[in-house]
Amino acid sequence: MTEIVHACLESVPLGKAAAIELVEAIEPYLEWQSDAAYKASPSPDYFFPPYDMFAVLGQIKNDLKADNYAGELQFQEDLYLKVFSAGHDGHFAFFPDALTRVF
């Protein structure tokens, strides 16, 4: 059953213009994250690797423009995993609909 559900989600085409608008709308939200500079260049004893949320979001936007996403699910997975989940911060969250509310 899970294979059928996953195949269904993978079949959803990417709404490229809306996806770019979403990425652009997220950037001001990221600017409110007070530890963005620290996470981009953390101290050596920090638990997680360096991560530049603005650079990652910019790469996702470039990937959208270059048509590097096969569909909506792949785009939303990248957005969640690379921008938000990689921050390891429960207060810094965004849950894309294809990953959370699709059914």
Protein backbone atom coordinates (compact mmCIF):
# COMPACT_ATOMS: atom_id res chain seq x y z
CA MET A 1 0.00 0.00 0.00
CA THR A 2 2.76 2.48 0.84
CA GLU A 3 4.29 2.00 -2.62
CA ILE A 4 0.99 3.05 -4.21
CA VAL A 5 0.75 6.13 -2.00
CA HIS A 6 4.33 7.12 -2.74
CA ALA A 7 3.83 6.62 -6.48
CA CYS A 8 0.73 8.80 -6.28
CA LEU A 9 2.67 11.57 -4.53
CA GLU A 10 5.50 11.33 -7.04
CA SER A 11 3.01 11.78 -9.88
CA VAL A 12 2.01 15.28 -8.71
CA PRO A 13 3.51 17.76 -11.18
CA LEU A 14 5.55 20.66 -9.90
CA GLY A 15 3.82 24.04 -9.88
CA LYS A 16 7.05 25.85 -10.76
CA ALA A 17 5.78 29.44 -10.54
CA ALA A 18 4.03 28.79 -7.23
CA ALA A 19 7.10 26.98 -5.89
CA ILE A 20 9.33 29.94 -6.71
CA GLU A 21 6.83 32.27 -5.04
CA LEU A 22 6.86 30.05 -1.96
CA VAL A 23 10.65 30.07 -1.76
CA GLU A 24 10.68 33.86 -2.11
CA ALA A 25 8.03 34.17 0.61
CA ILE A 26 10.04 31.96 2.96
CA GLU A 27 13.16 34.13 2.84
CA PRO A 28 11.76 36.86 5.16
CA TYR A 29 10.76 34.10 7.59
CA LEU A 30 14.36 32.86 7.61
CA GLU A 31 15.57 36.37 8.40
CA TRP A 32 13.79 36.11 11.75
CA GLN A 33 15.89 33.07 12.74
CA SER A 34 18.26 34.62 15.26
CA ASP A 35 20.93 31.93 15.07
CA ALA A 36 21.33 31.78 11.27
CA ALA A 37 24.85 33.24 11.35
CA TYR A 38 25.90 30.88 14.13
CA LYS A 39 24.57 27.84 12.29
CA ALA A 40 26.44 28.90 9.16
CA SER A 41 29.70 29.09 11.12
CA PRO A 42 29.27 27.28 14.44
CA SER A 43 31.85 26.75 17.13
CA PRO A 44 33.92 23.56 16.83
CA ASP A 45 32.00 21.93 19.70
CA TYR A 46 28.57 22.42 18.09
CA PHE A 47 26.72 19.11 17.62
CA PHE A 48 25.84 19.59 13.95
CA PRO A 49 27.74 20.52 10.78
CA PRO A 50 27.70 24.11 9.49
CA TYR A 51 24.58 24.96 7.54
CA ASP A 52 23.73 28.17 5.68
CA MET A 53 19.96 28.28 5.38
CA PHE A 54 20.06 31.21 2.95
CA ALA A 55 22.50 29.47 0.63
CA VAL A 56 20.46 26.28 0.72
CA LEU A 57 17.22 28.15 0.00
CA GLY A 58 18.99 29.94 -2.87
CA GLN A 59 20.14 26.61 -4.29
CA ILE A 60 16.57 25.28 -4.15
CA LYS A 61 15.39 28.37 -6.01
CA ASN A 62 18.11 27.85 -8.63
CA ASP A 63 17.09 24.19 -8.94
CA LEU A 64 13.49 25.25 -9.50
CA LYS A 65 14.50 27.69 -12.22
CA ALA A 66 16.70 25.03 -13.86
CA ASP A 67 13.86 22.46 -13.82
CA ASN A 68 15.86 20.09 -11.63
CA TYR A 69 12.81 18.75 -9.77
CA ALA A 70 10.82 15.84 -11.14
CA GLY A 71 7.69 16.90 -9.28
CA GLU A 72 6.13 18.62 -6.29
CA LEU A 73 7.12 15.91 -3.81
CA GLN A 74 10.83 16.12 -4.65
CA PHE A 75 10.76 19.91 -4.30
CA GLN A 76 8.92 19.83 -0.98
CA GLU A 77 11.20 17.12 0.40
CA ASP A 78 14.23 19.25 -0.46
CA LEU A 79 12.67 22.31 1.12
CA TYR A 80 11.83 20.47 4.33
CA LEU A 81 14.98 18.39 4.68
CA LYS A 82 17.61 20.85 3.48
CA VAL A 83 16.25 24.14 4.81
CA PHE A 84 14.19 23.37 7.91
CA SER A 85 15.08 19.92 9.22
CA ALA A 86 18.79 20.59 8.75
CA GLY A 87 18.47 23.44 11.27
CA HIS A 88 17.80 21.00 14.11
CA ASP A 89 15.53 23.49 15.84
CA GLY A 90 11.99 22.74 16.97
CA HIS A 91 11.11 26.44 16.83
CA PHE A 92 12.18 26.74 13.21
CA ALA A 93 9.62 24.79 11.24
CA PHE A 94 7.71 24.60 8.01
CA PHE A 95 5.69 21.55 7.06
CA PRO A 96 4.94 21.35 3.31
CA ASP A 97 1.49 20.05 2.45
CA ALA A 98 2.68 17.17 0.27
CA LEU A 99 4.53 15.79 3.29
CA THR A 100 1.90 16.41 5.94
CA ARG A 101 -1.63 17.14 4.76
CA VAL A 102 -1.99 15.64 1.34
CA PHE A 103 -4.42 12.88 2.32
